[in-house]
Amino acid sequence: MADGVPQCVWWNLDQVSEWIEALGFPQYKETLRINLINGRKLICVNASTLPMIGVTDFNHIQIIAKGVRDLLGIDEPDTGRSIALPRHNPIGMFLERKSQTGRQADRLQYSTDKTTYN
């Protein structure tokens, strides 16, 4: 992680394709390309979104979603918590905003010196 931001956030389509292949799922390279999943969009890939882009095998969904969490340094969801009170950490909030497109999202930078981002 450079400056607290996972390097995968800056990946292009080819790098995401290489990652999914290295994870053991070369059959999804084209699916990710068709859906234009680059590093910023990879932030939003989880067990809920994978079926929407064509990954429907439950075991594959679990492995890929965990792989994305590992890349981003995000802990596994705590299923014992109330969904009404999700835990937010600074890097997770930053990544959520950074996954968007546009000038404002492009300018966002994460600071490891603070618990906020600017």
PDB file of N, CA and C in Angstrom:
ATOM      1  N   MET A   1       0.830  -1.185   0.000  1.00  0.00           N
ATOM      2  CA  MET A   1       0.000   0.000   0.000  1.00  0.00           C
ATOM      3  C   MET A   1       0.873   1.245   0.000  1.00  0.00           C
ATOM      4  N   ALA A   2       0.626   2.114  -0.936  1.00  0.00           N
ATOM      5  CA  ALA A   2       1.327   3.386  -0.984  1.00  0.00           C
ATOM      6  C   ALA A   2       0.452   4.434  -0.314  1.00  0.00           C
ATOM      7  N   ASP A   3       0.979   5.095   0.679  1.00  0.00           N
ATOM      8  CA  ASP A   3       0.234   6.116   1.416  1.00  0.00           C
ATOM      9  C   ASP A   3      -1.075   5.578   1.986  1.00  0.00           C
ATOM     10  N   GLY A   4      -1.090   4.320   2.341  1.00  0.00           N
ATOM     11  CA  GLY A   4      -2.278   3.725   2.934  1.00  0.00           C
ATOM     12  C   GLY A   4      -3.317   3.253   1.932  1.00  0.00           C
ATOM     13  N   VAL A   5      -3.130   3.561   0.654  1.00  0.00           N
ATOM     14  CA  VAL A   5      -4.083   3.168  -0.381  1.00  0.00           C
ATOM     15  C   VAL A   5      -3.565   1.913  -1.066  1.00  0.00           C
ATOM     16  N   PRO A   6      -4.364   0.864  -1.147  1.00  0.00           N
ATOM     17  CA  PRO A   6      -3.932  -0.364  -1.827  1.00  0.00           C
ATOM     18  C   PRO A   6      -3.556  -0.085  -3.276  1.00  0.00           C
ATOM     19  N   GLN A   7      -2.461  -0.643  -3.729  1.00  0.00           N
ATOM     20  CA  GLN A   7      -1.962  -0.427  -5.088  1.00  0.00           C
ATOM     21  C   GLN A   7      -2.982  -0.835  -6.149  1.00  0.00           C
ATOM     22  N   CYS A   8      -3.817  -1.816  -5.851  1.00  0.00           N
ATOM     23  CA  CYS A   8      -4.783  -2.305  -6.840  1.00  0.00           C
ATOM     24  C   CYS A   8      -5.788  -1.228  -7.259  1.00  0.00           C
ATOM     25  N   VAL A   9      -5.960  -0.188  -6.466  1.00  0.00           N
ATOM     26  CA  VAL A   9      -6.889   0.889  -6.816  1.00  0.00           C
ATOM     27  C   VAL A   9      -6.487   1.533  -8.147  1.00  0.00           C
ATOM     28  N   TRP A  10      -5.210   1.513  -8.477  1.00  0.00           N
ATOM     29  CA  TRP A  10      -4.706   2.169  -9.682  1.00  0.00           C
ATOM     30  C   TRP A  10      -4.572   1.200 -10.865  1.00  0.00           C
ATOM     31  N   TRP A  11      -4.978  -0.061 -10.712  1.00  0.00           N
ATOM     32  CA  TRP A  11      -4.843  -1.035 -11.789  1.00  0.00           C
ATOM     33  C   TRP A  11      -5.708  -0.683 -12.992  1.00  0.00           C
ATOM     34  N   ASN A  12      -5.211  -1.064 -14.167  1.00  0.00           N
ATOM     35  CA  ASN A  12      -6.007  -0.929 -15.386  1.00  0.00           C
ATOM     36  C   ASN A  12      -6.710  -2.268 -15.663  1.00  0.00           C
ATOM     37  N   LEU A  13      -7.424  -2.340 -16.778  1.00  0.00           N
ATOM     38  CA  LEU A  13      -8.168  -3.562 -17.114  1.00  0.00           C
ATOM     39  C   LEU A  13      -7.249  -4.773 -17.244  1.00  0.00           C
ATOM     40  N   ASP A  14      -6.070  -4.576 -17.847  1.00  0.00           N
ATOM     41  CA  ASP A  14      -5.133  -5.688 -18.026  1.00  0.00           C
ATOM     42  C   ASP A  14      -4.642  -6.223 -16.680  1.00  0.00           C
ATOM     43  N   GLN A  15      -4.339  -5.336 -15.761  1.00  0.00           N
ATOM     44  CA  GLN A  15      -3.841  -5.761 -14.456  1.00  0.00           C
ATOM     45  C   GLN A  15      -4.914  -6.503 -13.660  1.00  0.00           C
ATOM     46  N   VAL A  16      -6.160  -6.059 -13.760  1.00  0.00           N
ATOM     47  CA  VAL A  16      -7.253  -6.768 -13.098  1.00  0.00           C
ATOM     48  C   VAL A  16      -7.418  -8.149 -13.733  1.00  0.00           C
ATOM     49  N   SER A  17      -7.308  -8.226 -15.052  1.00  0.00           N
ATOM     50  CA  SER A  17      -7.403  -9.513 -15.750  1.00  0.00           C
ATOM     51  C   SER A  17      -6.296 -10.466 -15.316  1.00  0.00           C
ATOM     52  N   GLU A  18      -5.088  -9.934 -15.174  1.00  0.00           N
ATOM     53  CA  GLU A  18      -3.963 -10.749 -14.709  1.00  0.00           C
ATOM     54  C   GLU A  18      -4.207 -11.249 -13.286  1.00  0.00           C
ATOM     55  N   TRP A  19      -4.773 -10.391 -12.445  1.00  0.00           N
ATOM     56  CA  TRP A  19      -5.050 -10.770 -11.059  1.00  0.00           C
ATOM     57  C   TRP A  19      -6.077 -11.904 -10.990  1.00  0.00           C
ATOM     58  N   ILE A  20      -7.177 -11.774 -11.756  1.00  0.00           N
ATOM     59  CA  ILE A  20      -8.217 -12.809 -11.695  1.00  0.00           C
ATOM     60  C   ILE A  20      -7.676 -14.128 -12.228  1.00  0.00           C
ATOM     61  N   GLU A  21      -6.796 -14.070 -13.207  1.00  0.00           N
ATOM     62  CA  GLU A  21      -6.180 -15.286 -13.729  1.00  0.00           C
ATOM     63  C   GLU A  21      -5.256 -15.898 -12.671  1.00  0.00           C
ATOM     64  N   ALA A  22      -4.451 -15.076 -12.016  1.00  0.00           N
ATOM     65  CA  ALA A  22      -3.552 -15.573 -10.969  1.00  0.00           C
ATOM     66  C   ALA A  22      -4.333 -16.138  -9.785  1.00  0.00           C
ATOM     67  N   LEU A  23      -5.539 -15.622  -9.565  1.00  0.00           N
ATOM     68  CA  LEU A  23      -6.391 -16.127  -8.493  1.00  0.00           C
ATOM     69  C   LEU A  23      -6.938 -17.513  -8.842  1.00  0.00           C
ATOM     70  N   GLY A  24      -6.827 -17.887 -10.114  1.00  0.00           N
ATOM     71  CA  GLY A  24      -7.271 -19.213 -10.533  1.00  0.00           C
ATOM     72  C   GLY A  24      -8.543 -19.219 -11.354  1.00  0.00           C
ATOM     73  N   PHE A  25      -8.947 -18.053 -11.860  1.00  0.00           N
ATOM     74  CA  PHE A  25     -10.194 -17.948 -12.608  1.00  0.00           C
ATOM     75  C   PHE A  25     -10.003 -17.243 -13.954  1.00  0.00           C
ATOM     76  N   PRO A  26      -9.200 -17.838 -14.837  1.00  0.00           N
ATOM     77  CA  PRO A  26      -8.990 -17.197 -16.144  1.00  0.00           C
ATOM     78  C   PRO A  26     -10.281 -17.082 -16.957  1.00  0.00           C
ATOM     79  N   GLN A  27     -11.255 -17.913 -16.648  1.00  0.00           N
ATOM     80  CA  GLN A  27     -12.518 -17.878 -17.388  1.00  0.00           C
ATOM     81  C   GLN A  27     -13.294 -16.575 -17.156  1.00  0.00           C
ATOM     82  N   TYR A  28     -12.918 -15.793 -16.150  1.00  0.00           N
ATOM     83  CA  TYR A  28     -13.622 -14.542 -15.871  1.00  0.00           C
ATOM     84  C   TYR A  28     -12.888 -13.308 -16.381  1.00  0.00           C
ATOM     85  N   LYS A  29     -11.751 -13.508 -17.048  1.00  0.00           N
ATOM     86  CA  LYS A  29     -11.003 -12.369 -17.577  1.00  0.00           C
ATOM     87  C   LYS A  29     -11.864 -11.538 -18.527  1.00  0.00           C
ATOM     88  N   GLU A  30     -12.516 -12.201 -19.455  1.00  0.00           N
ATOM     89  CA  GLU A  30     -13.341 -11.491 -20.434  1.00  0.00           C
ATOM     90  C   GLU A  30     -14.556 -10.835 -19.772  1.00  0.00           C
ATOM     91  N   THR A  31     -15.124 -11.497 -18.782  1.00  0.00           N
ATOM     92  CA  THR A  31     -16.260 -10.933 -18.049  1.00  0.00           C
ATOM     93  C   THR A  31     -15.866  -9.614 -17.402  1.00  0.00           C
ATOM     94  N   LEU A  32     -14.692  -9.582 -16.758  1.00  0.00           N
ATOM     95  CA  LEU A  32     -14.233  -8.350 -16.118  1.00  0.00           C
ATOM     96  C   LEU A  32     -13.946  -7.273 -17.159  1.00  0.00           C
ATOM     97  N   ARG A  33     -13.385  -7.669 -18.288  1.00  0.00           N
ATOM     98  CA  ARG A  33     -13.098  -6.701 -19.352  1.00  0.00           C
ATOM     99  C   ARG A  33     -14.383  -6.106 -19.926  1.00  0.00           C
ATOM    100  N   ILE A  34     -15.347  -6.966 -20.217  1.00  0.00           N
ATOM    101  CA  ILE A  34     -16.621  -6.502 -20.788  1.00  0.00           C
ATOM    102  C   ILE A  34     -17.297  -5.510 -19.846  1.00  0.00           C
ATOM    103  N   ASN A  35     -17.159  -5.759 -18.549  1.00  0.00           N
ATOM    104  CA  ASN A  35     -17.774  -4.890 -17.550  1.00  0.00           C
ATOM    105  C   ASN A  35     -16.864  -3.739 -17.124  1.00  0.00           C
ATOM    106  N   LEU A  36     -15.732  -3.596 -17.821  1.00  0.00           N
ATOM    107  CA  LEU A  36     -14.792  -2.493 -17.603  1.00  0.00           C
ATOM    108  C   LEU A  36     -14.346  -2.387 -16.143  1.00  0.00           C
ATOM    109  N   ILE A  37     -14.037  -3.538 -15.546  1.00  0.00           N
ATOM    110  CA  ILE A  37     -13.620  -3.558 -14.142  1.00  0.00           C
ATOM    111  C   ILE A  37     -12.125  -3.237 -14.074  1.00  0.00           C
ATOM    112  N   ASN A  38     -11.833  -2.002 -13.721  1.00  0.00           N
ATOM    113  CA  ASN A  38     -10.460  -1.597 -13.467  1.00  0.00           C
ATOM    114  C   ASN A  38     -10.265  -1.563 -11.945  1.00  0.00           C
ATOM    115  N   GLY A  39      -9.161  -1.040 -11.476  1.00  0.00           N
ATOM    116  CA  GLY A  39      -8.900  -1.040 -10.038  1.00  0.00           C
ATOM    117  C   GLY A  39      -9.924  -0.276  -9.221  1.00  0.00           C
ATOM    118  N   ARG A  40     -10.370   0.863  -9.737  1.00  0.00           N
ATOM    119  CA  ARG A  40     -11.357   1.646  -8.987  1.00  0.00           C
ATOM    120  C   ARG A  40     -12.707   0.936  -8.936  1.00  0.00           C
ATOM    121  N   LYS A  41     -13.065   0.260  -9.992  1.00  0.00           N
ATOM    122  CA  LYS A  41     -14.330  -0.474  -9.982  1.00  0.00           C
ATOM    123  C   LYS A  41     -14.201  -1.771  -9.190  1.00  0.00           C
ATOM    124  N   LEU A  42     -12.985  -2.308  -9.113  1.00  0.00           N
ATOM    125  CA  LEU A  42     -12.762  -3.524  -8.335  1.00  0.00           C
ATOM    126  C   LEU A  42     -13.116  -3.293  -6.862  1.00  0.00           C
ATOM    127  N   ILE A  43     -12.991  -2.059  -6.407  1.00  0.00           N
ATOM    128  CA  ILE A  43     -13.355  -1.693  -5.034  1.00  0.00           C
ATOM    129  C   ILE A  43     -14.786  -2.123  -4.722  1.00  0.00           C
ATOM    130  N   CYS A  44     -15.662  -2.017  -5.704  1.00  0.00           N
ATOM    131  CA  CYS A  44     -17.092  -2.292  -5.502  1.00  0.00           C
ATOM    132  C   CYS A  44     -17.474  -3.744  -5.753  1.00  0.00           C
ATOM    133  N   VAL A  45     -16.521  -4.558  -6.169  1.00  0.00           N
ATOM    134  CA  VAL A  45     -16.822  -5.959  -6.461  1.00  0.00           C
ATOM    135  C   VAL A  45     -16.907  -6.749  -5.161  1.00  0.00           C
ATOM    136  N   ASN A  46     -18.048  -7.378  -4.961  1.00  0.00           N
ATOM    137  CA  ASN A  46     -18.250  -8.201  -3.765  1.00  0.00           C
ATOM    138  C   ASN A  46     -19.222  -9.327  -4.100  1.00  0.00           C
ATOM    139  N   ALA A  47     -19.605 -10.087  -3.103  1.00  0.00           N
ATOM    140  CA  ALA A  47     -20.478 -11.243  -3.329  1.00  0.00           C
ATOM    141  C   ALA A  47     -21.841 -10.845  -3.897  1.00  0.00           C
ATOM    142  N   SER A  48     -22.262  -9.618  -3.677  1.00  0.00           N
ATOM    143  CA  SER A  48     -23.546  -9.167  -4.217  1.00  0.00           C
ATOM    144  C   SER A  48     -23.443  -8.729  -5.672  1.00  0.00           C
ATOM    145  N   THR A  49     -22.301  -8.165  -6.044  1.00  0.00           N
ATOM    146  CA  THR A  49     -22.165  -7.637  -7.403  1.00  0.00           C
ATOM    147  C   THR A  49     -21.658  -8.660  -8.411  1.00  0.00           C
ATOM    148  N   LEU A  50     -20.938  -9.663  -7.963  1.00  0.00           N
ATOM    149  CA  LEU A  50     -20.384 -10.651  -8.892  1.00  0.00           C
ATOM    150  C   LEU A  50     -21.445 -11.348  -9.748  1.00  0.00           C
ATOM    151  N   PRO A  51     -22.581 -11.780  -9.186  1.00  0.00           N
ATOM    152  CA  PRO A  51     -23.594 -12.403 -10.053  1.00  0.00           C
ATOM    153  C   PRO A  51     -24.125 -11.447 -11.127  1.00  0.00           C
ATOM    154  N   MET A  52     -24.134 -10.152 -10.839  1.00  0.00           N
ATOM    155  CA  MET A  52     -24.637  -9.174 -11.810  1.00  0.00           C
ATOM    156  C   MET A  52     -23.719  -9.042 -13.018  1.00  0.00           C
ATOM    157  N   ILE A  53     -22.439  -9.415 -12.860  1.00  0.00           N
ATOM    158  CA  ILE A  53     -21.523  -9.309 -13.997  1.00  0.00           C
ATOM    159  C   ILE A  53     -21.214 -10.668 -14.610  1.00  0.00           C
ATOM    160  N   GLY A  54     -21.896 -11.726 -14.137  1.00  0.00           N
ATOM    161  CA  GLY A  54     -21.774 -13.023 -14.785  1.00  0.00           C
ATOM    162  C   GLY A  54     -21.052 -14.107 -14.012  1.00  0.00           C
ATOM    163  N   VAL A  55     -20.642 -13.832 -12.773  1.00  0.00           N
ATOM    164  CA  VAL A  55     -20.008 -14.857 -11.943  1.00  0.00           C
ATOM    165  C   VAL A  55     -21.105 -15.433 -11.054  1.00  0.00           C
ATOM    166  N   THR A  56     -21.526 -16.671 -11.344  1.00  0.00           N
ATOM    167  CA  THR A  56     -22.677 -17.221 -10.630  1.00  0.00           C
ATOM    168  C   THR A  56     -22.359 -18.445  -9.780  1.00  0.00           C
ATOM    169  N   ASP A  57     -21.187 -19.012  -9.928  1.00  0.00           N
ATOM    170  CA  ASP A  57     -20.806 -20.160  -9.107  1.00  0.00           C
ATOM    171  C   ASP A  57     -20.513 -19.672  -7.692  1.00  0.00           C
ATOM    172  N   PHE A  58     -21.245 -20.204  -6.703  1.00  0.00           N
ATOM    173  CA  PHE A  58     -21.149 -19.708  -5.328  1.00  0.00           C
ATOM    174  C   PHE A  58     -19.731 -19.807  -4.772  1.00  0.00           C
ATOM    175  N   ASN A  59     -19.056 -20.925  -5.018  1.00  0.00           N
ATOM    176  CA  ASN A  59     -17.682 -21.073  -4.517  1.00  0.00           C
ATOM    177  C   ASN A  59     -16.749 -20.057  -5.159  1.00  0.00           C
ATOM    178  N   HIS A  60     -16.927 -19.797  -6.437  1.00  0.00           N
ATOM    179  CA  HIS A  60     -16.107 -18.802  -7.119  1.00  0.00           C
ATOM    180  C   HIS A  60     -16.385 -17.414  -6.542  1.00  0.00           C
ATOM    181  N   ILE A  61     -17.641 -17.118  -6.299  1.00  0.00           N
ATOM    182  CA  ILE A  61     -18.024 -15.831  -5.720  1.00  0.00           C
ATOM    183  C   ILE A  61     -17.329 -15.624  -4.380  1.00  0.00           C
ATOM    184  N   GLN A  62     -17.354 -16.651  -3.535  1.00  0.00           N
ATOM    185  CA  GLN A  62     -16.718 -16.545  -2.222  1.00  0.00           C
ATOM    186  C   GLN A  62     -15.220 -16.277  -2.345  1.00  0.00           C
ATOM    187  N   ILE A  63     -14.559 -17.006  -3.213  1.00  0.00           N
ATOM    188  CA  ILE A  63     -13.105 -16.877  -3.362  1.00  0.00           C
ATOM    189  C   ILE A  63     -12.737 -15.519  -3.952  1.00  0.00           C
ATOM    190  N   ILE A  64     -13.453 -15.090  -4.977  1.00  0.00           N
ATOM    191  CA  ILE A  64     -13.149 -13.810  -5.614  1.00  0.00           C
ATOM    192  C   ILE A  64     -13.435 -12.653  -4.657  1.00  0.00           C
ATOM    193  N   ALA A  65     -14.564 -12.698  -3.957  1.00  0.00           N
ATOM    194  CA  ALA A  65     -14.901 -11.633  -3.003  1.00  0.00           C
ATOM    195  C   ALA A  65     -13.845 -11.546  -1.905  1.00  0.00           C
ATOM    196  N   LYS A  66     -13.373 -12.688  -1.424  1.00  0.00           N
ATOM    197  CA  LYS A  66     -12.318 -12.683  -0.413  1.00  0.00           C
ATOM    198  C   LYS A  66     -11.027 -12.131  -1.002  1.00  0.00           C
ATOM    199  N   GLY A  67     -10.734 -12.484  -2.251  1.00  0.00           N
ATOM    200  CA  GLY A  67      -9.549 -11.965  -2.917  1.00  0.00           C
ATOM    201  C   GLY A  67      -9.564 -10.448  -3.026  1.00  0.00           C
ATOM    202  N   VAL A  68     -10.729  -9.892  -3.346  1.00  0.00           N
ATOM    203  CA  VAL A  68     -10.864  -8.435  -3.420  1.00  0.00           C
ATOM    204  C   VAL A  68     -10.664  -7.821  -2.032  1.00  0.00           C
ATOM    205  N   ARG A  69     -11.293  -8.409  -1.017  1.00  0.00           N
ATOM    206  CA  ARG A  69     -11.109  -7.890   0.356  1.00  0.00           C
ATOM    207  C   ARG A  69      -9.648  -7.941   0.763  1.00  0.00           C
ATOM    208  N   ASP A  70      -8.962  -9.025   0.415  1.00  0.00           N
ATOM    209  CA  ASP A  70      -7.538  -9.153   0.736  1.00  0.00           C
ATOM    210  C   ASP A  70      -6.724  -8.066   0.031  1.00  0.00           C
ATOM    211  N   LEU A  71      -7.010  -7.827  -1.242  1.00  0.00           N
ATOM    212  CA  LEU A  71      -6.317  -6.776  -1.987  1.00  0.00           C
ATOM    213  C   LEU A  71      -6.494  -5.412  -1.336  1.00  0.00           C
ATOM    214  N   LEU A  72      -7.717  -5.159  -0.877  1.00  0.00           N
ATOM    215  CA  LEU A  72      -8.045  -3.852  -0.309  1.00  0.00           C
ATOM    216  C   LEU A  72      -7.706  -3.741   1.169  1.00  0.00           C
ATOM    217  N   GLY A  73      -7.353  -4.866   1.785  1.00  0.00           N
ATOM    218  CA  GLY A  73      -7.034  -4.840   3.208  1.00  0.00           C
ATOM    219  C   GLY A  73      -8.264  -4.646   4.072  1.00  0.00           C
ATOM    220  N   ILE A  74      -9.386  -5.168   3.592  1.00  0.00           N
ATOM    221  CA  ILE A  74     -10.658  -5.036   4.318  1.00  0.00           C
ATOM    222  C   ILE A  74     -10.958  -6.346   5.017  1.00  0.00           C
ATOM    223  N   ASP A  75     -11.368  -6.259   6.278  1.00  0.00           N
ATOM    224  CA  ASP A  75     -11.708  -7.450   7.051  1.00  0.00           C
ATOM    225  C   ASP A  75     -12.979  -8.094   6.522  1.00  0.00           C
ATOM    226  N   GLU A  76     -13.092  -9.384   6.784  1.00  0.00           N
ATOM    227  CA  GLU A  76     -14.306 -10.124   6.437  1.00  0.00           C
ATOM    228  C   GLU A  76     -15.489  -9.509   7.189  1.00  0.00           C
ATOM    229  N   PRO A  77     -16.633  -9.394   6.532  1.00  0.00           N
ATOM    230  CA  PRO A  77     -17.803  -8.833   7.218  1.00  0.00           C
ATOM    231  C   PRO A  77     -18.144  -9.642   8.463  1.00  0.00           C
ATOM    232  N   ASP A  78     -18.472  -8.939   9.517  1.00  0.00           N
ATOM    233  CA  ASP A  78     -18.875  -9.570  10.771  1.00  0.00           C
ATOM    234  C   ASP A  78     -20.371  -9.846  10.690  1.00  0.00           C
ATOM    235  N   THR A  79     -20.724 -11.094  10.452  1.00  0.00           N
ATOM    236  CA  THR A  79     -22.137 -11.439  10.272  1.00  0.00           C
ATOM    237  C   THR A  79     -22.921 -11.398  11.577  1.00  0.00           C
ATOM    238  N   GLY A  80     -22.231 -11.280  12.703  1.00  0.00           N
ATOM    239  CA  GLY A  80     -22.914 -11.197  13.988  1.00  0.00           C
ATOM    240  C   GLY A  80     -23.354  -9.781  14.339  1.00  0.00           C
ATOM    241  N   ARG A  81     -22.920  -8.801  13.548  1.00  0.00           N
ATOM    242  CA  ARG A  81     -23.276  -7.404  13.807  1.00  0.00           C
ATOM    243  C   ARG A  81     -24.646  -7.090  13.216  1.00  0.00           C
ATOM    244  N   SER A  82     -25.273  -6.111  13.777  1.00  0.00           N
ATOM    245  CA  SER A  82     -26.518  -5.620  13.222  1.00  0.00           C
ATOM    246  C   SER A  82     -26.213  -4.906  11.906  1.00  0.00           C
ATOM    247  N   ILE A  83     -26.996  -5.156  10.882  1.00  0.00           N
ATOM    248  CA  ILE A  83     -26.754  -4.466   9.610  1.00  0.00           C
ATOM    249  C   ILE A  83     -27.142  -2.992   9.707  1.00  0.00           C
ATOM    250  N   ALA A  84     -27.890  -2.632  10.728  1.00  0.00           N
ATOM    251  CA  ALA A  84     -28.272  -1.239  10.908  1.00  0.00           C
ATOM    252  C   ALA A  84     -27.098  -0.392  11.394  1.00  0.00           C
ATOM    253  N   LEU A  85     -26.075  -1.016  11.952  1.00  0.00           N
ATOM    254  CA  LEU A  85     -24.944  -0.276  12.496  1.00  0.00           C
ATOM    255  C   LEU A  85     -23.623  -0.771  11.911  1.00  0.00           C
ATOM    256  N   PRO A  86     -23.421  -0.552  10.622  1.00  0.00           N
ATOM    257  CA  PRO A  86     -22.178  -1.058  10.033  1.00  0.00           C
ATOM    258  C   PRO A  86     -20.970  -0.306  10.581  1.00  0.00           C
ATOM    259  N   ARG A  87     -19.863  -1.025  10.700  1.00  0.00           N
ATOM    260  CA  ARG A  87     -18.626  -0.418  11.171  1.00  0.00           C
ATOM    261  C   ARG A  87     -17.952   0.258   9.979  1.00  0.00           C
ATOM    262  N   HIS A  88     -17.531   1.483  10.166  1.00  0.00           N
ATOM    263  CA  HIS A  88     -16.829   2.207   9.116  1.00  0.00           C
ATOM    264  C   HIS A  88     -15.421   2.502   9.583  1.00  0.00           C
ATOM    265  N   ASN A  89     -14.471   2.215   8.735  1.00  0.00           N
ATOM    266  CA  ASN A  89     -13.110   2.599   9.040  1.00  0.00           C
ATOM    267  C   ASN A  89     -12.673   3.597   7.981  1.00  0.00           C
ATOM    268  N   PRO A  90     -11.669   4.399   8.278  1.00  0.00           N
ATOM    269  CA  PRO A  90     -11.276   5.458   7.331  1.00  0.00           C
ATOM    270  C   PRO A  90     -10.906   4.955   5.947  1.00  0.00           C
ATOM    271  N   ILE A  91     -10.135   3.883   5.843  1.00  0.00           N
ATOM    272  CA  ILE A  91      -9.732   3.401   4.512  1.00  0.00           C
ATOM    273  C   ILE A  91     -10.940   2.873   3.743  1.00  0.00           C
ATOM    274  N   GLY A  92     -11.868   2.223   4.433  1.00  0.00           N
ATOM    275  CA  GLY A  92     -13.072   1.739   3.771  1.00  0.00           C
ATOM    276  C   GLY A  92     -13.923   2.879   3.235  1.00  0.00           C
ATOM    277  N   MET A  93     -14.049   3.937   4.018  1.00  0.00           N
ATOM    278  CA  MET A  93     -14.820   5.097   3.567  1.00  0.00           C
ATOM    279  C   MET A  93     -14.122   5.782   2.389  1.00  0.00           C
ATOM    280  N   PHE A  94     -12.803   5.869   2.454  1.00  0.00           N
ATOM    281  CA  PHE A  94     -12.039   6.449   1.352  1.00  0.00           C
ATOM    282  C   PHE A  94     -12.246   5.634   0.078  1.00  0.00           C
ATOM    283  N   LEU A  95     -12.087   4.318   0.171  1.00  0.00           N
ATOM    284  CA  LEU A  95     -12.228   3.459  -1.002  1.00  0.00           C
ATOM    285  C   LEU A  95     -13.620   3.545  -1.598  1.00  0.00           C
ATOM    286  N   GLU A  96     -14.616   3.672  -0.751  1.00  0.00           N
ATOM    287  CA  GLU A  96     -15.993   3.806  -1.239  1.00  0.00           C
ATOM    288  C   GLU A  96     -16.132   5.066  -2.093  1.00  0.00           C
ATOM    289  N   ARG A  97     -15.579   6.165  -1.626  1.00  0.00           N
ATOM    290  CA  ARG A  97     -15.651   7.418  -2.387  1.00  0.00           C
ATOM    291  C   ARG A  97     -14.740   7.388  -3.612  1.00  0.00           C
ATOM    292  N   LYS A  98     -13.576   6.741  -3.502  1.00  0.00           N
ATOM    293  CA  LYS A  98     -12.612   6.687  -4.600  1.00  0.00           C
ATOM    294  C   LYS A  98     -13.118   5.817  -5.748  1.00  0.00           C
ATOM    295  N   SER A  99     -14.045   4.923  -5.467  1.00  0.00           N
ATOM    296  CA  SER A  99     -14.562   4.039  -6.513  1.00  0.00           C
ATOM    297  C   SER A  99     -15.412   4.792  -7.534  1.00  0.00           C
ATOM    298  N   GLN A 100     -15.824   5.992  -7.192  1.00  0.00           N
ATOM    299  CA  GLN A 100     -16.627   6.804  -8.106  1.00  0.00           C
ATOM    300  C   GLN A 100     -15.740   7.403  -9.184  1.00  0.00           C
ATOM    301  N   THR A 101     -16.346   7.924 -10.220  1.00  0.00           N
ATOM    302  CA  THR A 101     -15.594   8.589 -11.278  1.00  0.00           C
ATOM    303  C   THR A 101     -15.842  10.087 -11.207  1.00  0.00           C
ATOM    304  N   GLY A 102     -14.993  10.827 -11.864  1.00  0.00           N
ATOM    305  CA  GLY A 102     -15.146  12.277 -11.907  1.00  0.00           C
ATOM    306  C   GLY A 102     -13.978  12.989 -11.254  1.00  0.00           C
ATOM    307  N   ARG A 103     -13.927  14.296 -11.483  1.00  0.00           N
ATOM    308  CA  ARG A 103     -12.808  15.091 -10.980  1.00  0.00           C
ATOM    309  C   ARG A 103     -12.680  15.061  -9.470  1.00  0.00           C
ATOM    310  N   GLN A 104     -13.790  15.130  -8.769  1.00  0.00           N
ATOM    311  CA  GLN A 104     -13.736  15.141  -7.304  1.00  0.00           C
ATOM    312  C   GLN A 104     -13.130  13.834  -6.780  1.00  0.00           C
ATOM    313  N   ALA A 105     -13.552  12.704  -7.315  1.00  0.00           N
ATOM    314  CA  ALA A 105     -12.990  11.415  -6.893  1.00  0.00           C
ATOM    315  C   ALA A 105     -11.529  11.294  -7.305  1.00  0.00           C
ATOM    316  N   ASP A 106     -11.190  11.837  -8.471  1.00  0.00           N
ATOM    317  CA  ASP A 106      -9.795  11.793  -8.918  1.00  0.00           C
ATOM    318  C   ASP A 106      -8.876  12.561  -7.975  1.00  0.00           C
ATOM    319  N   ARG A 107      -9.377  13.631  -7.384  1.00  0.00           N
ATOM    320  CA  ARG A 107      -8.560  14.460  -6.490  1.00  0.00           C
ATOM    321  C   ARG A 107      -8.442  13.907  -5.079  1.00  0.00           C
ATOM    322  N   LEU A 108      -9.301  12.961  -4.717  1.00  0.00           N
ATOM    323  CA  LEU A 108      -9.255  12.425  -3.354  1.00  0.00           C
ATOM    324  C   LEU A 108      -7.912  11.762  -3.073  1.00  0.00           C
ATOM    325  N   GLN A 109      -7.358  12.076  -1.921  1.00  0.00           N
ATOM    326  CA  GLN A 109      -6.118  11.450  -1.484  1.00  0.00           C
ATOM    327  C   GLN A 109      -6.298  11.000  -0.052  1.00  0.00           C
ATOM    328  N   TYR A 110      -5.739   9.851   0.254  1.00  0.00           N
ATOM    329  CA  TYR A 110      -5.839   9.288   1.602  1.00  0.00           C
ATOM    330  C   TYR A 110      -4.610   9.670   2.386  1.00  0.00           C
ATOM    331  N   SER A 111      -4.816  10.134   3.594  1.00  0.00           N
ATOM    332  CA  SER A 111      -3.706  10.505   4.449  1.00  0.00           C
ATOM    333  C   SER A 111      -3.594   9.509   5.593  1.00  0.00           C
ATOM    334  N   THR A 112      -2.417   8.911   5.751  1.00  0.00           N
ATOM    335  CA  THR A 112      -2.202   7.967   6.846  1.00  0.00           C
ATOM    336  C   THR A 112      -1.929   8.690   8.145  1.00  0.00           C
ATOM    337  N   ASP A 113      -1.687   9.995   8.075  1.00  0.00           N
ATOM    338  CA  ASP A 113      -1.409  10.779   9.283  1.00  0.00           C
ATOM    339  C   ASP A 113      -2.667  11.077  10.070  1.00  0.00           C
ATOM    340  N   LYS A 114      -3.824  10.988   9.414  1.00  0.00           N
ATOM    341  CA  LYS A 114      -5.088  11.315  10.052  1.00  0.00           C
ATOM    342  C   LYS A 114      -6.065  10.164   9.855  1.00  0.00           C
ATOM    343  N   THR A 115      -7.169  10.265  10.514  1.00  0.00           N
ATOM    344  CA  THR A 115      -8.214   9.251  10.316  1.00  0.00           C
ATOM    345  C   THR A 115      -9.246   9.764   9.325  1.00  0.00           C
ATOM    346  N   THR A 116      -8.899  10.808   8.575  1.00  0.00           N
ATOM    347  CA  THR A 116      -9.805  11.343   7.560  1.00  0.00           C
ATOM    348  C   THR A 116      -9.065  11.378   6.237  1.00  0.00           C
ATOM    349  N   TYR A 117      -9.771  11.722   5.215  1.00  0.00           N
ATOM    350  CA  TYR A 117      -9.162  11.878   3.904  1.00  0.00           C
ATOM    351  C   TYR A 117      -9.590  13.200   3.333  1.00  0.00           C
ATOM    352  N   ASN A 118      -8.833  13.703   2.361  1.00  0.00           N
ATOM    353  CA  ASN A 118      -9.167  15.014   1.783  1.00  0.00           C
ATOM    354  C   ASN A 118      -9.146  14.958   0.280  1.00  0.00           C
TER     355      ASN A 118
END
